[in-house]
Each structure stands twice: as structure tokens, then as C-alpha cells.
Amino acid sequence: MEKVEFTTISDRLISVIKKDILNGTYQPGQKLVLNDLKAHYKVGGLPLREAMVQLAWQKYLVMKPQKGF
């Protein structure tokens, strides 16, 4: 198996959160609370927000203005 190296914390988060979504950790339509995710993944707000926006662009999440993900 080839080793994957991530260049940023956001890159790592994208991979981990995407895996969690595909494995059913988060249910369709479930609101994802950033403070809960920060604690769960042990990361800061900026890399998490960047990862969430990237996942929304990739259609893994829906981002609603003033509502969250």
C-alpha cells in the first residue's frame, strides 16, 4: 500500500472527514457543528473551516450561509 503524505492539516481533515462521511459516521442531513468537530478531530477552527468548504465544493457537504454545514 502506498503511503499518502498530507501537506496541510486541512488536507488531512478533508481525507478523514470524507472517510467518516462515506462510512456513515455522519447521517445525511445531519448538521455538523464546528465546535464539536474541532474537539473530535483535535484541530483549530481555521483548518477545519477550510476543510469543510473544500468538502462542500466536492459535494460531500452542503454549506448554508448563516446556518453552517
PDB file of N, CA and C in Angstrom:
ATOM      1  N   MET A   1       0.843  -1.168   0.000  1.00  0.00           N
ATOM      2  CA  MET A   1       0.000   0.000   0.000  1.00  0.00           C
ATOM      3  C   MET A   1       0.893   1.238   0.000  1.00  0.00           C
ATOM      4  N   GLU A   2       0.544   2.204  -0.819  1.00  0.00           N
ATOM      5  CA  GLU A   2       1.375   3.392  -0.912  1.00  0.00           C
ATOM      6  C   GLU A   2       1.068   4.352   0.239  1.00  0.00           C
ATOM      7  N   LYS A   3       2.103   4.988   0.735  1.00  0.00           N
ATOM      8  CA  LYS A   3       1.957   5.928   1.848  1.00  0.00           C
ATOM      9  C   LYS A   3       1.521   7.283   1.291  1.00  0.00           C
ATOM     10  N   VAL A   4       0.467   7.851   1.897  1.00  0.00           N
ATOM     11  CA  VAL A   4      -0.034   9.149   1.475  1.00  0.00           C
ATOM     12  C   VAL A   4       0.448  10.188   2.471  1.00  0.00           C
ATOM     13  N   GLU A   5       1.080  11.236   1.969  1.00  0.00           N
ATOM     14  CA  GLU A   5       1.533  12.308   2.834  1.00  0.00           C
ATOM     15  C   GLU A   5       0.681  13.535   2.577  1.00  0.00           C
ATOM     16  N   PHE A   6       0.229  14.151   3.657  1.00  0.00           N
ATOM     17  CA  PHE A   6      -0.607  15.327   3.545  1.00  0.00           C
ATOM     18  C   PHE A   6       0.254  16.563   3.745  1.00  0.00           C
ATOM     19  N   THR A   7      -0.038  17.602   2.973  1.00  0.00           N
ATOM     20  CA  THR A   7       0.779  18.798   3.054  1.00  0.00           C
ATOM     21  C   THR A   7       0.287  19.770   4.127  1.00  0.00           C
ATOM     22  N   THR A   8      -0.993  19.724   4.452  1.00  0.00           N
ATOM     23  CA  THR A   8      -1.524  20.642   5.463  1.00  0.00           C
ATOM     24  C   THR A   8      -2.493  19.897   6.380  1.00  0.00           C
ATOM     25  N   ILE A   9      -2.816  20.538   7.488  1.00  0.00           N
ATOM     26  CA  ILE A   9      -3.816  19.981   8.398  1.00  0.00           C
ATOM     27  C   ILE A   9      -5.151  19.871   7.682  1.00  0.00           C
ATOM     28  N   SER A  10      -5.468  20.873   6.868  1.00  0.00           N
ATOM     29  CA  SER A  10      -6.728  20.843   6.122  1.00  0.00           C
ATOM     30  C   SER A  10      -6.792  19.645   5.184  1.00  0.00           C
ATOM     31  N   ASP A  11      -5.675  19.328   4.532  1.00  0.00           N
ATOM     32  CA  ASP A  11      -5.638  18.161   3.648  1.00  0.00           C
ATOM     33  C   ASP A  11      -5.942  16.885   4.424  1.00  0.00           C
ATOM     34  N   ARG A  12      -5.352  16.764   5.607  1.00  0.00           N
ATOM     35  CA  ARG A  12      -5.602  15.584   6.450  1.00  0.00           C
ATOM     36  C   ARG A  12      -7.073  15.527   6.861  1.00  0.00           C
ATOM     37  N   LEU A  13      -7.603  16.668   7.252  1.00  0.00           N
ATOM     38  CA  LEU A  13      -9.002  16.721   7.665  1.00  0.00           C
ATOM     39  C   LEU A  13      -9.949  16.349   6.526  1.00  0.00           C
ATOM     40  N   ILE A  14      -9.667  16.841   5.338  1.00  0.00           N
ATOM     41  CA  ILE A  14     -10.507  16.510   4.189  1.00  0.00           C
ATOM     42  C   ILE A  14     -10.573  14.999   4.025  1.00  0.00           C
ATOM     43  N   SER A  15      -9.429  14.356   4.087  1.00  0.00           N
ATOM     44  CA  SER A  15      -9.378  12.906   3.918  1.00  0.00           C
ATOM     45  C   SER A  15     -10.132  12.181   5.034  1.00  0.00           C
ATOM     46  N   VAL A  16      -9.915  12.589   6.271  1.00  0.00           N
ATOM     47  CA  VAL A  16     -10.525  11.903   7.407  1.00  0.00           C
ATOM     48  C   VAL A  16     -12.039  12.133   7.442  1.00  0.00           C
ATOM     49  N   ILE A  17     -12.467  13.369   7.238  1.00  0.00           N
ATOM     50  CA  ILE A  17     -13.902  13.669   7.282  1.00  0.00           C
ATOM     51  C   ILE A  17     -14.616  12.999   6.110  1.00  0.00           C
ATOM     52  N   LYS A  18     -13.997  12.998   4.944  1.00  0.00           N
ATOM     53  CA  LYS A  18     -14.587  12.323   3.782  1.00  0.00           C
ATOM     54  C   LYS A  18     -14.780  10.837   4.078  1.00  0.00           C
ATOM     55  N   LYS A  19     -13.772  10.219   4.684  1.00  0.00           N
ATOM     56  CA  LYS A  19     -13.876   8.803   5.053  1.00  0.00           C
ATOM     57  C   LYS A  19     -15.015   8.593   6.055  1.00  0.00           C
ATOM     58  N   ASP A  20     -15.104   9.480   7.035  1.00  0.00           N
ATOM     59  CA  ASP A  20     -16.166   9.367   8.037  1.00  0.00           C
ATOM     60  C   ASP A  20     -17.549   9.531   7.403  1.00  0.00           C
ATOM     61  N   ILE A  21     -17.685  10.425   6.457  1.00  0.00           N
ATOM     62  CA  ILE A  21     -18.962  10.603   5.760  1.00  0.00           C
ATOM     63  C   ILE A  21     -19.318   9.335   4.997  1.00  0.00           C
ATOM     64  N   LEU A  22     -18.369   8.801   4.251  1.00  0.00           N
ATOM     65  CA  LEU A  22     -18.617   7.606   3.438  1.00  0.00           C
ATOM     66  C   LEU A  22     -18.875   6.367   4.295  1.00  0.00           C
ATOM     67  N   ASN A  23     -18.306   6.335   5.508  1.00  0.00           N
ATOM     68  CA  ASN A  23     -18.505   5.198   6.417  1.00  0.00           C
ATOM     69  C   ASN A  23     -19.765   5.327   7.260  1.00  0.00           C
ATOM     70  N   GLY A  24     -20.502   6.423   7.110  1.00  0.00           N
ATOM     71  CA  GLY A  24     -21.762   6.582   7.827  1.00  0.00           C
ATOM     72  C   GLY A  24     -21.646   7.166   9.222  1.00  0.00           C
ATOM     73  N   THR A  25     -20.490   7.725   9.565  1.00  0.00           N
ATOM     74  CA  THR A  25     -20.341   8.369  10.868  1.00  0.00           C
ATOM     75  C   THR A  25     -21.312   9.537  10.994  1.00  0.00           C
ATOM     76  N   TYR A  26     -21.527  10.239   9.891  1.00  0.00           N
ATOM     77  CA  TYR A  26     -22.468  11.352   9.850  1.00  0.00           C
ATOM     78  C   TYR A  26     -23.616  10.974   8.922  1.00  0.00           C
ATOM     79  N   GLN A  27     -24.824  11.192   9.384  1.00  0.00           N
ATOM     80  CA  GLN A  27     -26.010  10.827   8.619  1.00  0.00           C
ATOM     81  C   GLN A  27     -26.362  11.922   7.615  1.00  0.00           C
ATOM     82  N   PRO A  28     -26.969  11.558   6.488  1.00  0.00           N
ATOM     83  CA  PRO A  28     -27.407  12.563   5.514  1.00  0.00           C
ATOM     84  C   PRO A  28     -28.336  13.576   6.189  1.00  0.00           C
ATOM     85  N   GLY A  29     -28.060  14.843   5.973  1.00  0.00           N
ATOM     86  CA  GLY A  29     -28.879  15.896   6.547  1.00  0.00           C
ATOM     87  C   GLY A  29     -28.493  16.296   7.958  1.00  0.00           C
ATOM     88  N   GLN A  30     -27.575  15.561   8.571  1.00  0.00           N
ATOM     89  CA  GLN A  30     -27.147  15.879   9.933  1.00  0.00           C
ATOM     90  C   GLN A  30     -26.372  17.189   9.935  1.00  0.00           C
ATOM     91  N   LYS A  31     -26.707  18.079  10.869  1.00  0.00           N
ATOM     92  CA  LYS A  31     -25.965  19.330  10.996  1.00  0.00           C
ATOM     93  C   LYS A  31     -24.629  19.029  11.658  1.00  0.00           C
ATOM     94  N   LEU A  32     -23.571  19.536  11.069  1.00  0.00           N
ATOM     95  CA  LEU A  32     -22.230  19.345  11.612  1.00  0.00           C
ATOM     96  C   LEU A  32     -21.822  20.627  12.329  1.00  0.00           C
ATOM     97  N   VAL A  33     -21.673  20.543  13.633  1.00  0.00           N
ATOM     98  CA  VAL A  33     -21.344  21.689  14.471  1.00  0.00           C
ATOM     99  C   VAL A  33     -19.821  21.811  14.551  1.00  0.00           C
ATOM    100  N   LEU A  34     -19.297  22.960  14.122  1.00  0.00           N
ATOM    101  CA  LEU A  34     -17.851  23.126  14.049  1.00  0.00           C
ATOM    102  C   LEU A  34     -17.170  22.941  15.400  1.00  0.00           C
ATOM    103  N   ASN A  35     -17.752  23.437  16.479  1.00  0.00           N
ATOM    104  CA  ASN A  35     -17.119  23.260  17.794  1.00  0.00           C
ATOM    105  C   ASN A  35     -17.019  21.783  18.171  1.00  0.00           C
ATOM    106  N   ASP A  36     -18.043  21.014  17.846  1.00  0.00           N
ATOM    107  CA  ASP A  36     -17.994  19.578  18.114  1.00  0.00           C
ATOM    108  C   ASP A  36     -16.923  18.901  17.267  1.00  0.00           C
ATOM    109  N   LEU A  37     -16.839  19.304  16.000  1.00  0.00           N
ATOM    110  CA  LEU A  37     -15.841  18.713  15.107  1.00  0.00           C
ATOM    111  C   LEU A  37     -14.422  19.088  15.523  1.00  0.00           C
ATOM    112  N   LYS A  38     -14.228  20.340  15.972  1.00  0.00           N
ATOM    113  CA  LYS A  38     -12.902  20.757  16.444  1.00  0.00           C
ATOM    114  C   LYS A  38     -12.453  19.875  17.592  1.00  0.00           C
ATOM    115  N   ALA A  39     -13.349  19.605  18.524  1.00  0.00           N
ATOM    116  CA  ALA A  39     -13.000  18.762  19.670  1.00  0.00           C
ATOM    117  C   ALA A  39     -12.760  17.320  19.230  1.00  0.00           C
ATOM    118  N   HIS A  40     -13.606  16.814  18.351  1.00  0.00           N
ATOM    119  CA  HIS A  40     -13.494  15.424  17.912  1.00  0.00           C
ATOM    120  C   HIS A  40     -12.184  15.170  17.161  1.00  0.00           C
ATOM    121  N   TYR A  41     -11.851  16.080  16.229  1.00  0.00           N
ATOM    122  CA  TYR A  41     -10.653  15.884  15.407  1.00  0.00           C
ATOM    123  C   TYR A  41      -9.406  16.543  16.003  1.00  0.00           C
ATOM    124  N   LYS A  42      -9.592  17.260  17.125  1.00  0.00           N
ATOM    125  CA  LYS A  42      -8.473  17.912  17.828  1.00  0.00           C
ATOM    126  C   LYS A  42      -7.704  18.862  16.910  1.00  0.00           C
ATOM    127  N   VAL A  43      -8.456  19.783  16.291  1.00  0.00           N
ATOM    128  CA  VAL A  43      -7.863  20.757  15.376  1.00  0.00           C
ATOM    129  C   VAL A  43      -8.431  22.141  15.680  1.00  0.00           C
ATOM    130  N   GLY A  44      -7.809  23.150  15.109  1.00  0.00           N
ATOM    131  CA  GLY A  44      -8.278  24.517  15.247  1.00  0.00           C
ATOM    132  C   GLY A  44      -9.386  24.834  14.255  1.00  0.00           C
ATOM    133  N   GLY A  45      -9.984  25.987  14.447  1.00  0.00           N
ATOM    134  CA  GLY A  45     -11.108  26.387  13.625  1.00  0.00           C
ATOM    135  C   GLY A  45     -10.769  26.677  12.172  1.00  0.00           C
ATOM    136  N   LEU A  46      -9.632  27.316  11.917  1.00  0.00           N
ATOM    137  CA  LEU A  46      -9.301  27.696  10.537  1.00  0.00           C
ATOM    138  C   LEU A  46      -9.078  26.498   9.619  1.00  0.00           C
ATOM    139  N   PRO A  47      -8.246  25.527  10.010  1.00  0.00           N
ATOM    140  CA  PRO A  47      -8.080  24.381   9.105  1.00  0.00           C
ATOM    141  C   PRO A  47      -9.366  23.574   8.948  1.00  0.00           C
ATOM    142  N   LEU A  48     -10.171  23.518  10.022  1.00  0.00           N
ATOM    143  CA  LEU A  48     -11.435  22.790   9.925  1.00  0.00           C
ATOM    144  C   LEU A  48     -12.380  23.490   8.958  1.00  0.00           C
ATOM    145  N   ARG A  49     -12.499  24.787   9.076  1.00  0.00           N
ATOM    146  CA  ARG A  49     -13.392  25.536   8.182  1.00  0.00           C
ATOM    147  C   ARG A  49     -12.929  25.391   6.731  1.00  0.00           C
ATOM    148  N   GLU A  50     -11.632  25.475   6.500  1.00  0.00           N
ATOM    149  CA  GLU A  50     -11.093  25.306   5.147  1.00  0.00           C
ATOM    150  C   GLU A  50     -11.441  23.915   4.601  1.00  0.00           C
ATOM    151  N   ALA A  51     -11.285  22.897   5.427  1.00  0.00           N
ATOM    152  CA  ALA A  51     -11.613  21.530   5.004  1.00  0.00           C
ATOM    153  C   ALA A  51     -13.102  21.403   4.694  1.00  0.00           C
ATOM    154  N   MET A  52     -13.945  22.001   5.523  1.00  0.00           N
ATOM    155  CA  MET A  52     -15.390  21.910   5.314  1.00  0.00           C
ATOM    156  C   MET A  52     -15.803  22.596   4.015  1.00  0.00           C
ATOM    157  N   VAL A  53     -15.207  23.741   3.724  1.00  0.00           N
ATOM    158  CA  VAL A  53     -15.511  24.442   2.468  1.00  0.00           C
ATOM    159  C   VAL A  53     -15.076  23.582   1.284  1.00  0.00           C
ATOM    160  N   GLN A  54     -13.892  22.992   1.357  1.00  0.00           N
ATOM    161  CA  GLN A  54     -13.418  22.118   0.278  1.00  0.00           C
ATOM    162  C   GLN A  54     -14.363  20.935   0.081  1.00  0.00           C
ATOM    163  N   LEU A  55     -14.813  20.341   1.179  1.00  0.00           N
ATOM    164  CA  LEU A  55     -15.739  19.207   1.085  1.00  0.00           C
ATOM    165  C   LEU A  55     -17.084  19.645   0.513  1.00  0.00           C
ATOM    166  N   ALA A  56     -17.498  20.850   0.800  1.00  0.00           N
ATOM    167  CA  ALA A  56     -18.735  21.369   0.202  1.00  0.00           C
ATOM    168  C   ALA A  56     -18.549  21.552  -1.305  1.00  0.00           C
ATOM    169  N   TRP A  57     -17.397  22.069  -1.714  1.00  0.00           N
ATOM    170  CA  TRP A  57     -17.118  22.223  -3.151  1.00  0.00           C
ATOM    171  C   TRP A  57     -17.087  20.869  -3.857  1.00  0.00           C
ATOM    172  N   GLN A  58     -16.629  19.835  -3.138  1.00  0.00           N
ATOM    173  CA  GLN A  58     -16.570  18.489  -3.708  1.00  0.00           C
ATOM    174  C   GLN A  58     -17.902  17.749  -3.590  1.00  0.00           C
ATOM    175  N   LYS A  59     -18.923  18.426  -3.050  1.00  0.00           N
ATOM    176  CA  LYS A  59     -20.290  17.893  -2.922  1.00  0.00           C
ATOM    177  C   LYS A  59     -20.436  16.803  -1.864  1.00  0.00           C
ATOM    178  N   TYR A  60     -19.518  16.750  -0.900  1.00  0.00           N
ATOM    179  CA  TYR A  60     -19.673  15.824   0.215  1.00  0.00           C
ATOM    180  C   TYR A  60     -20.522  16.442   1.319  1.00  0.00           C
ATOM    181  N   LEU A  61     -20.580  17.773   1.346  1.00  0.00           N
ATOM    182  CA  LEU A  61     -21.352  18.520   2.334  1.00  0.00           C
ATOM    183  C   LEU A  61     -22.170  19.590   1.630  1.00  0.00           C
ATOM    184  N   VAL A  62     -23.157  20.106   2.345  1.00  0.00           N
ATOM    185  CA  VAL A  62     -23.903  21.268   1.875  1.00  0.00           C
ATOM    186  C   VAL A  62     -23.617  22.398   2.844  1.00  0.00           C
ATOM    187  N   MET A  63     -23.186  23.532   2.302  1.00  0.00           N
ATOM    188  CA  MET A  63     -22.918  24.697   3.120  1.00  0.00           C
ATOM    189  C   MET A  63     -24.061  25.681   2.939  1.00  0.00           C
ATOM    190  N   LYS A  64     -24.680  26.064   4.072  1.00  0.00           N
ATOM    191  CA  LYS A  64     -25.782  27.017   4.018  1.00  0.00           C
ATOM    192  C   LYS A  64     -25.339  28.298   4.726  1.00  0.00           C
ATOM    193  N   PRO A  65     -25.370  29.428   4.026  1.00  0.00           N
ATOM    194  CA  PRO A  65     -24.960  30.692   4.660  1.00  0.00           C
ATOM    195  C   PRO A  65     -25.758  30.948   5.944  1.00  0.00           C
ATOM    196  N   GLN A  66     -25.058  31.375   6.957  1.00  0.00           N
ATOM    197  CA  GLN A  66     -25.617  31.694   8.271  1.00  0.00           C
ATOM    198  C   GLN A  66     -26.185  30.477   8.998  1.00  0.00           C
ATOM    199  N   LYS A  67     -26.071  29.285   8.438  1.00  0.00           N
ATOM    200  CA  LYS A  67     -26.614  28.061   9.056  1.00  0.00           C
ATOM    201  C   LYS A  67     -25.535  27.036   9.359  1.00  0.00           C
ATOM    202  N   GLY A  68     -24.483  26.992   8.555  1.00  0.00           N
ATOM    203  CA  GLY A  68     -23.422  26.029   8.768  1.00  0.00           C
ATOM    204  C   GLY A  68     -23.422  24.923   7.722  1.00  0.00           C
ATOM    205  N   PHE A  69     -22.977  23.754   8.147  1.00  0.00           N
ATOM    206  CA  PHE A  69     -22.813  22.625   7.230  1.00  0.00           C
ATOM    207  C   PHE A  69     -23.756  21.494   7.596  1.00  0.00           C
TER     208      PHE A  69
END
